[in-house]
Amino acid sequence: MTFKQQWNTIKQNWILVLVFLLFFLLPFFSGTTSSFAKSGSFGMLESAEMMVTSDSMGRYSGSDFAPEVEDRKITKSAYLSSEVERGTFKTSAEKLKSIIKLSEGYLLNENVNKYGTDKKSYYSGSYQIKVETAKYDSVVLQLKEVGEVQSFTESMDDITARFTNLQTELSAEKSRLVKFQQMYNSAEEISDKIALADKIYSLEKTIDYLEQALSNVQKKVDYSTISVSLQEERSEYANVALVKFSKLIDSLVDSFNSLLQLIFVIFPYLIVVGLIWLVVRFVKRR
């Protein structure tokens, strides 16, 4: 069959050819439509999200120490235990509060208790204080003068890495937010705008959380914590008291029981010694 004859046959059966083409090419065009939908604004959303996430995860895996950062973030805290003279607890506590007030610090917690009765009674109190780090050393020196220092511990913590990581994460999330807002403005499909709006809302909440966390870390650096324990000196005669009669009877009974035990332990030996003495004396007489 010549080419001209084949062409005439195809023209005569054009309907069959058209059905054949539609049957095989329709899935291809439907798949193209789907891929176009994904490569639109919402497809850009997914690809941009994956790109920024991998980038941010790559930058957050640094050392906890962050030695490359020059501006170190150091927190300070101290614990001070002091004893005050008997009868001066309330005066000493007022002096402590005065130091806090003059240094523009904050008394976060105060817990004062009275223990015992009469001569055995004494006061004990614990205080948690926040002061500006710039005034920390001066306040500690003043607090040591309130009473006789029994113990003092001081600690510092380097949180530079935590602060730096929060800054990096916050910057990355803000960058993501800008990209999503740009995609939202250029999106034409309602479904894309809804999906982008949800992402933007979630990012804004994450950014608020990170900003609050960053602020809290900075406050730990700007303000130091001082825990103070004040205890009133106990009376020298607090434990002086007459022995109760019942205790004397107990001691007398215990002593008598001990004497009886001693007698019953020694008695067999006395009998043996006595027998030996009698035998020796009998032998000498003979």
C-alpha atoms as a PDB file:
ATOM      1  CA  MET A   1       0.000   0.000   0.000  1.00  0.00           C
ATOM      2  CA  THR A   2       1.406   3.342  -1.013  1.00  0.00           C
ATOM      3  CA  PHE A   3       1.677   6.355   1.288  1.00  0.00           C
ATOM      4  CA  LYS A   4      -1.171   8.122  -0.589  1.00  0.00           C
ATOM      5  CA  GLN A   5      -3.443   5.136  -0.092  1.00  0.00           C
ATOM      6  CA  GLN A   6      -2.613   5.041   3.679  1.00  0.00           C
ATOM      7  CA  TRP A   7      -3.362   8.733   4.008  1.00  0.00           C
ATOM      8  CA  ASN A   8      -6.766   8.261   2.284  1.00  0.00           C
ATOM      9  CA  THR A   9      -7.557   5.422   4.703  1.00  0.00           C
ATOM     10  CA  ILE A  10      -6.737   7.614   7.705  1.00  0.00           C
ATOM     11  CA  LYS A  11      -8.946  10.444   6.391  1.00  0.00           C
ATOM     12  CA  GLN A  12     -11.827   8.017   5.946  1.00  0.00           C
ATOM     13  CA  ASN A  13     -11.437   6.773   9.564  1.00  0.00           C
ATOM     14  CA  TRP A  14     -10.609  10.122  11.227  1.00  0.00           C
ATOM     15  CA  ILE A  15     -13.144   9.556  13.995  1.00  0.00           C
ATOM     16  CA  LEU A  16     -11.344   6.414  15.157  1.00  0.00           C
ATOM     17  CA  VAL A  17      -8.025   8.243  15.055  1.00  0.00           C
ATOM     18  CA  LEU A  18      -9.456  11.104  17.155  1.00  0.00           C
ATOM     19  CA  VAL A  19     -10.815   8.708  19.790  1.00  0.00           C
ATOM     20  CA  PHE A  20      -7.454   6.931  19.888  1.00  0.00           C
ATOM     21  CA  LEU A  21      -5.601  10.200  20.457  1.00  0.00           C
ATOM     22  CA  LEU A  22      -8.016  11.358  23.174  1.00  0.00           C
ATOM     23  CA  PHE A  23      -7.760   8.019  24.976  1.00  0.00           C
ATOM     24  CA  PHE A  24      -3.961   8.107  25.178  1.00  0.00           C
ATOM     25  CA  LEU A  25      -3.326  11.843  25.560  1.00  0.00           C
ATOM     26  CA  LEU A  26      -6.041  12.765  28.135  1.00  0.00           C
ATOM     27  CA  PRO A  27      -4.120  11.356  31.174  1.00  0.00           C
ATOM     28  CA  PHE A  28      -1.061  13.255  30.033  1.00  0.00           C
ATOM     29  CA  PHE A  29      -2.937  16.580  29.927  1.00  0.00           C
ATOM     30  CA  SER A  30      -4.667  15.916  33.272  1.00  0.00           C
ATOM     31  CA  GLY A  31      -1.280  15.155  34.867  1.00  0.00           C
ATOM     32  CA  THR A  32       0.080  18.366  33.380  1.00  0.00           C
ATOM     33  CA  THR A  33      -2.780  20.323  34.910  1.00  0.00           C
ATOM     34  CA  SER A  34      -2.065  18.803  38.300  1.00  0.00           C
ATOM     35  CA  SER A  35       1.628  19.570  38.020  1.00  0.00           C
ATOM     36  CA  PHE A  36       0.806  23.157  37.046  1.00  0.00           C
ATOM     37  CA  ALA A  37      -1.335  23.507  40.147  1.00  0.00           C
ATOM     38  CA  LYS A  38       1.503  22.276  42.305  1.00  0.00           C
ATOM     39  CA  SER A  39       4.055  24.466  40.596  1.00  0.00           C
ATOM     40  CA  GLY A  40       1.908  27.533  41.279  1.00  0.00           C
ATOM     41  CA  SER A  41       1.904  29.579  44.467  1.00  0.00           C
ATOM     42  CA  PHE A  42       1.145  26.640  46.758  1.00  0.00           C
ATOM     43  CA  GLY A  43       3.898  24.573  45.128  1.00  0.00           C
ATOM     44  CA  MET A  44       6.249  27.472  45.729  1.00  0.00           C
ATOM     45  CA  LEU A  45       5.062  27.466  49.340  1.00  0.00           C
ATOM     46  CA  GLU A  46       6.148  23.847  49.886  1.00  0.00           C
ATOM     47  CA  SER A  47       9.495  24.218  48.123  1.00  0.00           C
ATOM     48  CA  ALA A  48      10.315  27.464  49.939  1.00  0.00           C
ATOM     49  CA  GLU A  49       9.382  25.933  53.291  1.00  0.00           C
ATOM     50  CA  MET A  50      11.642  22.932  52.709  1.00  0.00           C
ATOM     51  CA  MET A  51      14.483  25.192  51.594  1.00  0.00           C
ATOM     52  CA  VAL A  52      14.308  27.516  54.626  1.00  0.00           C
ATOM     53  CA  THR A  53      13.830  24.649  57.089  1.00  0.00           C
ATOM     54  CA  SER A  54      16.899  22.784  55.897  1.00  0.00           C
ATOM     55  CA  ASP A  55      18.892  25.997  55.928  1.00  0.00           C
ATOM     56  CA  SER A  56      17.840  26.864  59.460  1.00  0.00           C
ATOM     57  CA  MET A  57      18.467  23.348  60.741  1.00  0.00           C
ATOM     58  CA  GLY A  58      21.935  23.464  59.273  1.00  0.00           C
ATOM     59  CA  ARG A  59      22.780  26.649  61.149  1.00  0.00           C
ATOM     60  CA  TYR A  60      21.434  25.588  64.544  1.00  0.00           C
ATOM     61  CA  SER A  61      23.652  22.583  65.062  1.00  0.00           C
ATOM     62  CA  GLY A  62      26.589  24.553  66.476  1.00  0.00           C
ATOM     63  CA  SER A  63      28.407  24.107  69.740  1.00  0.00           C
ATOM     64  CA  ASP A  64      26.683  24.905  73.034  1.00  0.00           C
ATOM     65  CA  PHE A  65      29.639  27.010  74.057  1.00  0.00           C
ATOM     66  CA  ALA A  66      29.699  29.272  70.956  1.00  0.00           C
ATOM     67  CA  PRO A  67      33.350  30.381  71.432  1.00  0.00           C
ATOM     68  CA  GLU A  68      33.252  32.544  68.307  1.00  0.00           C
ATOM     69  CA  VAL A  69      30.855  35.039  69.956  1.00  0.00           C
ATOM     70  CA  GLU A  70      32.667  37.939  71.620  1.00  0.00           C
ATOM     71  CA  ASP A  71      29.684  39.401  73.486  1.00  0.00           C
ATOM     72  CA  ARG A  72      29.244  36.722  76.162  1.00  0.00           C
ATOM     73  CA  LYS A  73      25.945  36.244  77.963  1.00  0.00           C
ATOM     74  CA  ILE A  74      26.700  35.361  81.599  1.00  0.00           C
ATOM     75  CA  THR A  75      24.168  34.810  84.387  1.00  0.00           C
ATOM     76  CA  LYS A  76      25.091  35.191  88.056  1.00  0.00           C
ATOM     77  CA  SER A  77      23.518  33.704  91.183  1.00  0.00           C
ATOM     78  CA  ALA A  78      24.517  33.443  94.829  1.00  0.00           C
ATOM     79  CA  TYR A  79      23.407  31.814  98.084  1.00  0.00           C
ATOM     80  CA  LEU A  80      24.164  33.496 101.422  1.00  0.00           C
ATOM     81  CA  SER A  81      23.470  32.046 104.863  1.00  0.00           C
ATOM     82  CA  SER A  82      23.891  34.347 107.884  1.00  0.00           C
ATOM     83  CA  GLU A  83      23.226  34.192 111.606  1.00  0.00           C
ATOM     84  CA  VAL A  84      22.035  37.269 113.516  1.00  0.00           C
ATOM     85  CA  GLU A  85      22.187  37.977 117.231  1.00  0.00           C
ATOM     86  CA  ARG A  86      19.337  36.816 119.388  1.00  0.00           C
ATOM     87  CA  GLY A  87      16.539  39.368 119.585  1.00  0.00           C
ATOM     88  CA  THR A  88      17.680  41.250 116.433  1.00  0.00           C
ATOM     89  CA  PHE A  89      16.039  39.140 113.723  1.00  0.00           C
ATOM     90  CA  LYS A  90      13.289  41.624 112.834  1.00  0.00           C
ATOM     91  CA  THR A  91      15.757  44.516 112.765  1.00  0.00           C
ATOM     92  CA  SER A  92      18.113  42.537 110.547  1.00  0.00           C
ATOM     93  CA  ALA A  93      15.266  41.582 108.205  1.00  0.00           C
ATOM     94  CA  GLU A  94      14.317  45.263 107.845  1.00  0.00           C
ATOM     95  CA  LYS A  95      17.934  46.118 107.072  1.00  0.00           C
ATOM     96  CA  LEU A  96      17.954  43.446 104.356  1.00  0.00           C
ATOM     97  CA  LYS A  97      14.784  44.875 102.787  1.00  0.00           C
ATOM     98  CA  SER A  98      16.266  48.360 102.945  1.00  0.00           C
ATOM     99  CA  ILE A  99      19.316  47.182 100.979  1.00  0.00           C
ATOM    100  CA  ILE A 100      16.999  45.715  98.329  1.00  0.00           C
ATOM    101  CA  LYS A 101      14.974  48.913  98.080  1.00  0.00           C
ATOM    102  CA  LEU A 102      17.986  51.237  97.841  1.00  0.00           C
ATOM    103  CA  SER A 103      19.519  49.067  95.106  1.00  0.00           C
ATOM    104  CA  GLU A 104      16.192  49.134  93.198  1.00  0.00           C
ATOM    105  CA  GLY A 105      16.036  45.366  93.392  1.00  0.00           C
ATOM    106  CA  TYR A 106      13.068  43.041  93.737  1.00  0.00           C
ATOM    107  CA  LEU A 107      12.103  40.798  96.645  1.00  0.00           C
ATOM    108  CA  LEU A 108      10.540  37.838  94.844  1.00  0.00           C
ATOM    109  CA  ASN A 109       9.917  35.603  97.837  1.00  0.00           C
ATOM    110  CA  GLU A 110       9.963  35.921 101.633  1.00  0.00           C
ATOM    111  CA  ASN A 111       9.385  33.068 104.066  1.00  0.00           C
ATOM    112  CA  VAL A 112       9.765  33.674 107.836  1.00  0.00           C
ATOM    113  CA  ASN A 113       9.025  31.086 110.535  1.00  0.00           C
ATOM    114  CA  LYS A 114       9.260  30.953 114.337  1.00  0.00           C
ATOM    115  CA  TYR A 115      10.434  27.719 115.876  1.00  0.00           C
ATOM    116  CA  GLY A 116      10.145  26.533 119.502  1.00  0.00           C
ATOM    117  CA  THR A 117       8.565  28.291 122.496  1.00  0.00           C
ATOM    118  CA  ASP A 118       9.726  30.576 125.285  1.00  0.00           C
ATOM    119  CA  LYS A 119      13.519  30.462 125.701  1.00  0.00           C
ATOM    120  CA  LYS A 120      13.853  27.869 122.970  1.00  0.00           C
ATOM    121  CA  SER A 121      12.131  30.032 120.356  1.00  0.00           C
ATOM    122  CA  TYR A 122      14.036  31.533 117.439  1.00  0.00           C
ATOM    123  CA  TYR A 123      13.260  33.025 113.992  1.00  0.00           C
ATOM    124  CA  SER A 124      14.442  31.792 110.622  1.00  0.00           C
ATOM    125  CA  GLY A 125      13.765  33.361 107.236  1.00  0.00           C
ATOM    126  CA  SER A 126      14.591  32.850 103.573  1.00  0.00           C
ATOM    127  CA  TYR A 127      14.544  35.524 100.855  1.00  0.00           C
ATOM    128  CA  GLN A 128      14.913  35.425  97.088  1.00  0.00           C
ATOM    129  CA  ILE A 129      16.160  38.644  95.516  1.00  0.00           C
ATOM    130  CA  LYS A 130      16.628  39.953  91.974  1.00  0.00           C
ATOM    131  CA  VAL A 131      19.056  42.827  91.372  1.00  0.00           C
ATOM    132  CA  GLU A 132      20.637  44.388  88.317  1.00  0.00           C
ATOM    133  CA  THR A 133      23.812  42.537  87.423  1.00  0.00           C
ATOM    134  CA  ALA A 134      25.712  45.832  87.446  1.00  0.00           C
ATOM    135  CA  LYS A 135      24.821  46.214  91.166  1.00  0.00           C
ATOM    136  CA  TYR A 136      25.247  42.549  92.064  1.00  0.00           C
ATOM    137  CA  ASP A 137      28.697  42.774  93.735  1.00  0.00           C
ATOM    138  CA  SER A 138      27.759  45.834  95.785  1.00  0.00           C
ATOM    139  CA  VAL A 139      24.508  44.263  97.021  1.00  0.00           C
ATOM    140  CA  VAL A 140      26.252  41.019  98.001  1.00  0.00           C
ATOM    141  CA  LEU A 141      28.808  42.941 100.099  1.00  0.00           C
ATOM    142  CA  GLN A 142      26.028  44.826 101.883  1.00  0.00           C
ATOM    143  CA  LEU A 143      24.043  41.663 102.561  1.00  0.00           C
ATOM    144  CA  LYS A 144      27.100  40.018 104.119  1.00  0.00           C
ATOM    145  CA  GLU A 145      27.124  42.802 106.736  1.00  0.00           C
ATOM    146  CA  VAL A 146      23.575  42.027 107.938  1.00  0.00           C
ATOM    147  CA  GLY A 147      24.765  39.121 110.081  1.00  0.00           C
ATOM    148  CA  GLU A 148      27.595  36.689 110.661  1.00  0.00           C
ATOM    149  CA  VAL A 149      28.181  34.784 107.420  1.00  0.00           C
ATOM    150  CA  GLN A 150      27.848  31.024 107.866  1.00  0.00           C
ATOM    151  CA  SER A 151      28.195  30.030 104.225  1.00  0.00           C
ATOM    152  CA  PHE A 152      28.377  31.679 100.809  1.00  0.00           C
ATOM    153  CA  THR A 153      28.292  30.122  97.339  1.00  0.00           C
ATOM    154  CA  GLU A 154      28.375  31.879  93.987  1.00  0.00           C
ATOM    155  CA  SER A 155      27.853  30.493  90.488  1.00  0.00           C
ATOM    156  CA  MET A 156      27.978  31.809  86.923  1.00  0.00           C
ATOM    157  CA  ASP A 157      26.481  30.243  83.815  1.00  0.00           C
ATOM    158  CA  ASP A 158      27.448  31.006  80.215  1.00  0.00           C
ATOM    159  CA  ILE A 159      24.249  31.001  78.115  1.00  0.00           C
ATOM    160  CA  THR A 160      25.745  32.645  75.028  1.00  0.00           C
ATOM    161  CA  ALA A 161      24.957  29.638  72.809  1.00  0.00           C
ATOM    162  CA  ARG A 162      21.316  29.563  73.895  1.00  0.00           C
ATOM    163  CA  PHE A 163      20.956  33.290  73.227  1.00  0.00           C
ATOM    164  CA  THR A 164      22.690  33.040  69.845  1.00  0.00           C
ATOM    165  CA  ASN A 165      20.602  30.064  68.743  1.00  0.00           C
ATOM    166  CA  LEU A 166      17.402  31.890  69.629  1.00  0.00           C
ATOM    167  CA  GLN A 167      18.527  34.924  67.641  1.00  0.00           C
ATOM    168  CA  THR A 168      19.370  32.755  64.631  1.00  0.00           C
ATOM    169  CA  GLU A 169      16.081  30.889  64.809  1.00  0.00           C
ATOM    170  CA  LEU A 170      14.117  34.121  65.171  1.00  0.00           C
ATOM    171  CA  SER A 171      15.878  35.623  62.137  1.00  0.00           C
ATOM    172  CA  ALA A 172      15.143  32.490  60.082  1.00  0.00           C
ATOM    173  CA  GLU A 173      11.467  32.474  61.047  1.00  0.00           C
ATOM    174  CA  LYS A 174      11.102  36.157  60.172  1.00  0.00           C
ATOM    175  CA  SER A 175      12.682  35.446  56.788  1.00  0.00           C
ATOM    176  CA  ARG A 176      10.194  32.648  56.214  1.00  0.00           C
ATOM    177  CA  LEU A 177       7.337  34.954  57.166  1.00  0.00           C
ATOM    178  CA  VAL A 178       8.402  37.539  54.589  1.00  0.00           C
ATOM    179  CA  LYS A 179       8.505  34.877  51.842  1.00  0.00           C
ATOM    180  CA  PHE A 180       5.085  33.511  52.736  1.00  0.00           C
ATOM    181  CA  GLN A 181       3.602  37.009  52.815  1.00  0.00           C
ATOM    182  CA  GLN A 182       5.009  37.683  49.352  1.00  0.00           C
ATOM    183  CA  MET A 183       3.536  34.417  48.071  1.00  0.00           C
ATOM    184  CA  TYR A 184       0.211  35.266  49.693  1.00  0.00           C
ATOM    185  CA  ASN A 185       0.097  38.632  47.924  1.00  0.00           C
ATOM    186  CA  SER A 186       0.855  37.029  44.553  1.00  0.00           C
ATOM    187  CA  ALA A 187      -1.455  34.021  44.973  1.00  0.00           C
ATOM    188  CA  GLU A 188      -4.604  33.958  42.819  1.00  0.00           C
ATOM    189  CA  GLU A 189      -6.328  30.767  43.942  1.00  0.00           C
ATOM    190  CA  ILE A 190      -8.499  30.976  47.094  1.00  0.00           C
ATOM    191  CA  SER A 191      -7.238  27.597  48.288  1.00  0.00           C
ATOM    192  CA  ASP A 192      -3.651  28.832  48.044  1.00  0.00           C
ATOM    193  CA  LYS A 193      -4.460  31.992  50.013  1.00  0.00           C
ATOM    194  CA  ILE A 194      -6.142  29.940  52.752  1.00  0.00           C
ATOM    195  CA  ALA A 195      -3.155  27.584  53.031  1.00  0.00           C
ATOM    196  CA  LEU A 196      -0.704  30.493  53.064  1.00  0.00           C
ATOM    197  CA  ALA A 197      -2.769  32.362  55.666  1.00  0.00           C
ATOM    198  CA  ASP A 198      -2.566  29.342  57.979  1.00  0.00           C
ATOM    199  CA  LYS A 199       1.208  29.174  57.513  1.00  0.00           C
ATOM    200  CA  ILE A 200       1.562  32.890  58.171  1.00  0.00           C
ATOM    201  CA  TYR A 201      -0.521  32.647  61.362  1.00  0.00           C
ATOM    202  CA  SER A 202       1.559  29.716  62.616  1.00  0.00           C
ATOM    203  CA  LEU A 203       4.800  31.569  61.850  1.00  0.00           C
ATOM    204  CA  GLU A 204       3.608  34.712  63.658  1.00  0.00           C
ATOM    205  CA  LYS A 205       2.881  32.640  66.776  1.00  0.00           C
ATOM    206  CA  THR A 206       6.327  31.012  66.555  1.00  0.00           C
ATOM    207  CA  ILE A 207       7.984  34.412  66.195  1.00  0.00           C
ATOM    208  CA  ASP A 208       6.098  35.754  69.243  1.00  0.00           C
ATOM    209  CA  TYR A 209       7.243  32.740  71.264  1.00  0.00           C
ATOM    210  CA  LEU A 210      10.880  33.139  70.188  1.00  0.00           C
ATOM    211  CA  GLU A 211      10.847  36.877  70.935  1.00  0.00           C
ATOM    212  CA  GLN A 212       9.490  36.165  74.432  1.00  0.00           C
ATOM    213  CA  ALA A 213      12.094  33.440  74.996  1.00  0.00           C
ATOM    214  CA  LEU A 214      14.862  35.772  73.832  1.00  0.00           C
ATOM    215  CA  SER A 215      13.592  38.492  76.165  1.00  0.00           C
ATOM    216  CA  ASN A 216      13.547  36.065  79.121  1.00  0.00           C
ATOM    217  CA  VAL A 217      17.124  34.964  78.440  1.00  0.00           C
ATOM    218  CA  GLN A 218      18.250  38.587  78.275  1.00  0.00           C
ATOM    219  CA  LYS A 219      16.525  39.303  81.612  1.00  0.00           C
ATOM    220  CA  LYS A 220      18.495  36.480  83.213  1.00  0.00           C
ATOM    221  CA  VAL A 221      21.647  38.240  82.073  1.00  0.00           C
ATOM    222  CA  ASP A 222      20.513  41.728  83.110  1.00  0.00           C
ATOM    223  CA  TYR A 223      19.293  40.616  86.561  1.00  0.00           C
ATOM    224  CA  SER A 224      21.086  38.312  89.003  1.00  0.00           C
ATOM    225  CA  THR A 225      19.483  36.109  91.656  1.00  0.00           C
ATOM    226  CA  ILE A 226      20.550  36.184  95.306  1.00  0.00           C
ATOM    227  CA  SER A 227      19.094  33.736  97.826  1.00  0.00           C
ATOM    228  CA  VAL A 228      19.539  34.746 101.474  1.00  0.00           C
ATOM    229  CA  SER A 229      18.927  32.670 104.599  1.00  0.00           C
ATOM    230  CA  LEU A 230      18.759  34.494 107.956  1.00  0.00           C
ATOM    231  CA  GLN A 231      18.636  32.593 111.231  1.00  0.00           C
ATOM    232  CA  GLU A 232      18.451  33.989 114.718  1.00  0.00           C
ATOM    233  CA  GLU A 233      21.070  32.786 117.170  1.00  0.00           C
ATOM    234  CA  ARG A 234      19.614  30.207 119.539  1.00  0.00           C
ATOM    235  CA  SER A 235      19.799  30.677 123.317  1.00  0.00           C
ATOM    236  CA  GLU A 236      22.733  29.034 125.129  1.00  0.00           C
ATOM    237  CA  TYR A 237      20.259  27.766 127.717  1.00  0.00           C
ATOM    238  CA  ALA A 238      17.761  26.457 125.191  1.00  0.00           C
ATOM    239  CA  ASN A 239      18.551  22.835 125.998  1.00  0.00           C
ATOM    240  CA  VAL A 240      19.068  23.309 129.765  1.00  0.00           C
ATOM    241  CA  ALA A 241      16.325  21.613 131.839  1.00  0.00           C
ATOM    242  CA  LEU A 242      15.923  19.535 135.022  1.00  0.00           C
ATOM    243  CA  VAL A 243      15.855  15.805 134.568  1.00  0.00           C
ATOM    244  CA  LYS A 244      12.358  14.368 134.907  1.00  0.00           C
ATOM    245  CA  PHE A 245      11.652  12.010 137.818  1.00  0.00           C
ATOM    246  CA  SER A 246      10.541   9.281 135.450  1.00  0.00           C
ATOM    247  CA  LYS A 247      13.905   9.457 133.713  1.00  0.00           C
ATOM    248  CA  LEU A 248      15.689   9.131 137.091  1.00  0.00           C
ATOM    249  CA  ILE A 249      13.660   5.992 137.888  1.00  0.00           C
ATOM    250  CA  ASP A 250      14.519   4.594 134.477  1.00  0.00           C
ATOM    251  CA  SER A 251      18.209   5.211 135.109  1.00  0.00           C
ATOM    252  CA  LEU A 252      17.990   3.594 138.583  1.00  0.00           C
ATOM    253  CA  VAL A 253      16.273   0.485 137.207  1.00  0.00           C
ATOM    254  CA  ASP A 254      18.809   0.255 134.384  1.00  0.00           C
ATOM    255  CA  SER A 255      21.681   0.472 136.892  1.00  0.00           C
ATOM    256  CA  PHE A 256      20.134  -2.228 139.133  1.00  0.00           C
ATOM    257  CA  ASN A 257      19.616  -4.503 136.131  1.00  0.00           C
ATOM    258  CA  SER A 258      23.227  -3.983 135.113  1.00  0.00           C
ATOM    259  CA  LEU A 259      24.378  -4.899 138.646  1.00  0.00           C
ATOM    260  CA  LEU A 260      22.345  -8.087 138.622  1.00  0.00           C
ATOM    261  CA  GLN A 261      23.779  -9.047 135.259  1.00  0.00           C
ATOM    262  CA  LEU A 262      27.284  -8.449 136.594  1.00  0.00           C
ATOM    263  CA  ILE A 263      26.646 -10.615 139.677  1.00  0.00           C
ATOM    264  CA  PHE A 264      25.288 -13.503 137.606  1.00  0.00           C
ATOM    265  CA  VAL A 265      28.257 -13.287 135.268  1.00  0.00           C
ATOM    266  CA  ILE A 266      30.851 -13.254 138.082  1.00  0.00           C
ATOM    267  CA  PHE A 267      29.110 -15.777 140.398  1.00  0.00           C
ATOM    268  CA  PRO A 268      30.248 -18.980 138.565  1.00  0.00           C
ATOM    269  CA  TYR A 269      33.848 -17.761 138.568  1.00  0.00           C
ATOM    270  CA  LEU A 270      33.642 -17.091 142.331  1.00  0.00           C
ATOM    271  CA  ILE A 271      32.461 -20.638 142.934  1.00  0.00           C
ATOM    272  CA  VAL A 272      35.361 -22.041 140.898  1.00  0.00           C
ATOM    273  CA  VAL A 273      37.886 -19.846 142.733  1.00  0.00           C
ATOM    274  CA  GLY A 274      36.392 -20.904 146.084  1.00  0.00           C
ATOM    275  CA  LEU A 275      36.684 -24.593 145.245  1.00  0.00           C
ATOM    276  CA  ILE A 276      40.301 -24.156 144.164  1.00  0.00           C
ATOM    277  CA  TRP A 277      41.080 -22.332 147.435  1.00  0.00           C
ATOM    278  CA  LEU A 278      39.530 -25.170 149.490  1.00  0.00           C
ATOM    279  CA  VAL A 279      41.526 -27.819 147.597  1.00  0.00           C
ATOM    280  CA  VAL A 280      44.777 -25.919 148.080  1.00  0.00           C
ATOM    281  CA  ARG A 281      44.098 -25.470 151.779  1.00  0.00           C
ATOM    282  CA  PHE A 282      43.233 -29.179 152.201  1.00  0.00           C
ATOM    283  CA  VAL A 283      46.503 -30.203 150.499  1.00  0.00           C
ATOM    284  CA  LYS A 284      48.578 -27.919 152.743  1.00  0.00           C
ATOM    285  CA  ARG A 285      47.090 -29.387 155.908  1.00  0.00           C
ATOM    286  CA  ARG A 286      48.071 -32.889 154.892  1.00  0.00           C
END
